[in-house]
Amino acid sequence: MSETVNVISTLGFPIAVCIALGWFIDKIISEYSQDNKDREKAIMSEMSKINDTNGELVQSNKEVVRTNSLLVEEMTKKLSGIDMKLDDLRDEIRR
């Protein structure tokens, strides 16, 4: 307390208040900066997890596309065979 009175009597009240407010603002900014750094670190960690999950999903989707392409190709072959058999059957019926 005596230091505060000494600063006020030496520098004057307005200067002492400016110094106190400067210290207060510096403290607040430092706390906000640290909070932001911590938040950013947590967000980056979550983004990394999300990117890993997305990579796994992309691989799964590629496998699904490949499997579906094979199934469509196989179904197309079978349908073509059925179509040919129906054409043959139609031709036999017409005779």
C-alpha atoms as a PDB file:
ATOM      1  CA  MET A   1       0.000   0.000   0.000  1.00  0.00           C
ATOM      2  CA  SER A   2       2.824   2.346   0.801  1.00  0.00           C
ATOM      3  CA  GLU A   3       4.297   1.692  -2.664  1.00  0.00           C
ATOM      4  CA  THR A   4       1.040   2.799  -4.263  1.00  0.00           C
ATOM      5  CA  VAL A   5       0.986   5.988  -2.198  1.00  0.00           C
ATOM      6  CA  ASN A   6       4.653   6.585  -3.063  1.00  0.00           C
ATOM      7  CA  VAL A   7       3.967   6.159  -6.837  1.00  0.00           C
ATOM      8  CA  ILE A   8       0.958   8.495  -6.656  1.00  0.00           C
ATOM      9  CA  SER A   9       2.879  11.152  -4.724  1.00  0.00           C
ATOM     10  CA  THR A  10       5.902  10.867  -7.023  1.00  0.00           C
ATOM     11  CA  LEU A  11       4.224  10.607 -10.457  1.00  0.00           C
ATOM     12  CA  GLY A  12       0.787  11.968  -9.732  1.00  0.00           C
ATOM     13  CA  PHE A  13      -2.574  10.244  -9.666  1.00  0.00           C
ATOM     14  CA  PRO A  14      -3.306  10.278 -13.419  1.00  0.00           C
ATOM     15  CA  ILE A  15       0.067   8.729 -14.306  1.00  0.00           C
ATOM     16  CA  ALA A  16      -0.286   6.094 -11.550  1.00  0.00           C
ATOM     17  CA  VAL A  17      -3.769   5.182 -12.835  1.00  0.00           C
ATOM     18  CA  CYS A  18      -2.423   4.930 -16.403  1.00  0.00           C
ATOM     19  CA  ILE A  19       0.321   2.576 -15.214  1.00  0.00           C
ATOM     20  CA  ALA A  20      -2.215   0.465 -13.283  1.00  0.00           C
ATOM     21  CA  LEU A  21      -4.561   0.303 -16.270  1.00  0.00           C
ATOM     22  CA  GLY A  22      -1.668  -0.590 -18.569  1.00  0.00           C
ATOM     23  CA  TRP A  23      -0.692  -3.433 -16.250  1.00  0.00           C
ATOM     24  CA  PHE A  24      -4.332  -4.583 -16.055  1.00  0.00           C
ATOM     25  CA  ILE A  25      -4.768  -4.517 -19.843  1.00  0.00           C
ATOM     26  CA  ASP A  26      -1.498  -6.426 -20.309  1.00  0.00           C
ATOM     27  CA  LYS A  27      -2.654  -9.073 -17.819  1.00  0.00           C
ATOM     28  CA  ILE A  28      -6.052  -9.457 -19.536  1.00  0.00           C
ATOM     29  CA  ILE A  29      -4.491  -9.684 -23.006  1.00  0.00           C
ATOM     30  CA  SER A  30      -1.981 -12.285 -21.784  1.00  0.00           C
ATOM     31  CA  GLU A  31      -4.789 -14.401 -20.314  1.00  0.00           C
ATOM     32  CA  TYR A  32      -6.864 -14.141 -23.498  1.00  0.00           C
ATOM     33  CA  SER A  33      -3.838 -15.018 -25.593  1.00  0.00           C
ATOM     34  CA  GLN A  34      -3.134 -18.105 -23.506  1.00  0.00           C
ATOM     35  CA  ASP A  35      -6.802 -19.141 -23.632  1.00  0.00           C
ATOM     36  CA  ASN A  36      -6.774 -18.724 -27.410  1.00  0.00           C
ATOM     37  CA  LYS A  37      -3.582 -20.791 -27.738  1.00  0.00           C
ATOM     38  CA  ASP A  38      -5.074 -23.567 -25.610  1.00  0.00           C
ATOM     39  CA  ARG A  39      -8.310 -23.475 -27.597  1.00  0.00           C
ATOM     40  CA  GLU A  40      -6.406 -23.505 -30.888  1.00  0.00           C
ATOM     41  CA  LYS A  41      -4.347 -26.488 -29.743  1.00  0.00           C
ATOM     42  CA  ALA A  42      -7.539 -28.382 -28.813  1.00  0.00           C
ATOM     43  CA  ILE A  43      -9.172 -27.500 -32.142  1.00  0.00           C
ATOM     44  CA  MET A  44      -6.110 -28.618 -34.096  1.00  0.00           C
ATOM     45  CA  SER A  45      -6.102 -31.909 -32.203  1.00  0.00           C
ATOM     46  CA  GLU A  46      -9.765 -32.471 -33.053  1.00  0.00           C
ATOM     47  CA  MET A  47      -9.172 -31.479 -36.682  1.00  0.00           C
ATOM     48  CA  SER A  48      -6.391 -34.044 -36.868  1.00  0.00           C
ATOM     49  CA  LYS A  49      -8.756 -36.733 -35.589  1.00  0.00           C
ATOM     50  CA  ILE A  50     -11.406 -35.611 -38.082  1.00  0.00           C
ATOM     51  CA  ASN A  51      -8.896 -35.736 -40.942  1.00  0.00           C
ATOM     52  CA  ASP A  52      -7.859 -39.259 -39.927  1.00  0.00           C
ATOM     53  CA  THR A  53     -11.502 -40.334 -39.827  1.00  0.00           C
ATOM     54  CA  ASN A  54     -12.131 -38.731 -43.220  1.00  0.00           C
ATOM     55  CA  GLY A  55      -9.159 -40.619 -44.651  1.00  0.00           C
ATOM     56  CA  GLU A  56     -10.609 -43.890 -43.366  1.00  0.00           C
ATOM     57  CA  LEU A  57     -14.009 -42.998 -44.821  1.00  0.00           C
ATOM     58  CA  VAL A  58     -12.463 -42.201 -48.192  1.00  0.00           C
ATOM     59  CA  GLN A  59     -10.795 -45.609 -48.237  1.00  0.00           C
ATOM     60  CA  SER A  60     -14.059 -47.303 -47.247  1.00  0.00           C
ATOM     61  CA  ASN A  61     -15.930 -45.411 -49.953  1.00  0.00           C
ATOM     62  CA  LYS A  62     -13.348 -46.431 -52.552  1.00  0.00           C
ATOM     63  CA  GLU A  63     -13.848 -50.053 -51.552  1.00  0.00           C
ATOM     64  CA  VAL A  64     -17.639 -49.678 -51.739  1.00  0.00           C
ATOM     65  CA  VAL A  65     -17.374 -48.089 -55.194  1.00  0.00           C
ATOM     66  CA  ARG A  66     -15.093 -50.898 -56.378  1.00  0.00           C
ATOM     67  CA  THR A  67     -17.416 -53.561 -54.976  1.00  0.00           C
ATOM     68  CA  ASN A  68     -20.493 -51.885 -56.441  1.00  0.00           C
ATOM     69  CA  SER A  69     -18.806 -51.588 -59.829  1.00  0.00           C
ATOM     70  CA  LEU A  70     -18.070 -55.312 -59.791  1.00  0.00           C
ATOM     71  CA  LEU A  71     -21.659 -56.075 -58.784  1.00  0.00           C
ATOM     72  CA  VAL A  72     -23.078 -53.845 -61.529  1.00  0.00           C
ATOM     73  CA  GLU A  73     -20.785 -55.489 -64.082  1.00  0.00           C
ATOM     74  CA  GLU A  74     -21.863 -58.955 -62.943  1.00  0.00           C
ATOM     75  CA  MET A  75     -25.550 -58.002 -62.940  1.00  0.00           C
ATOM     76  CA  THR A  76     -25.188 -56.504 -66.422  1.00  0.00           C
ATOM     77  CA  LYS A  77     -23.706 -59.776 -67.685  1.00  0.00           C
ATOM     78  CA  LYS A  78     -26.512 -61.772 -66.092  1.00  0.00           C
ATOM     79  CA  LEU A  79     -29.192 -59.458 -67.436  1.00  0.00           C
ATOM     80  CA  SER A  80     -27.658 -59.677 -70.904  1.00  0.00           C
ATOM     81  CA  GLY A  81     -27.800 -63.462 -70.645  1.00  0.00           C
ATOM     82  CA  ILE A  82     -31.424 -63.325 -69.531  1.00  0.00           C
ATOM     83  CA  ASP A  83     -32.206 -60.903 -72.367  1.00  0.00           C
ATOM     84  CA  MET A  84     -30.625 -63.271 -74.893  1.00  0.00           C
ATOM     85  CA  LYS A  85     -32.600 -66.211 -73.491  1.00  0.00           C
ATOM     86  CA  LEU A  86     -35.821 -64.210 -73.698  1.00  0.00           C
ATOM     87  CA  ASP A  87     -35.044 -63.293 -77.307  1.00  0.00           C
ATOM     88  CA  ASP A  88     -34.451 -66.971 -78.092  1.00  0.00           C
ATOM     89  CA  LEU A  89     -37.675 -67.931 -76.320  1.00  0.00           C
ATOM     90  CA  ARG A  90     -39.625 -65.253 -78.201  1.00  0.00           C
ATOM     91  CA  ASP A  91     -38.192 -66.463 -81.487  1.00  0.00           C
ATOM     92  CA  GLU A  92     -39.203 -70.054 -80.661  1.00  0.00           C
ATOM     93  CA  ILE A  93     -42.725 -68.968 -79.747  1.00  0.00           C
ATOM     94  CA  ARG A  94     -43.089 -67.052 -83.020  1.00  0.00           C
ATOM     95  CA  ARG A  95     -42.144 -70.088 -85.112  1.00  0.00           C
END
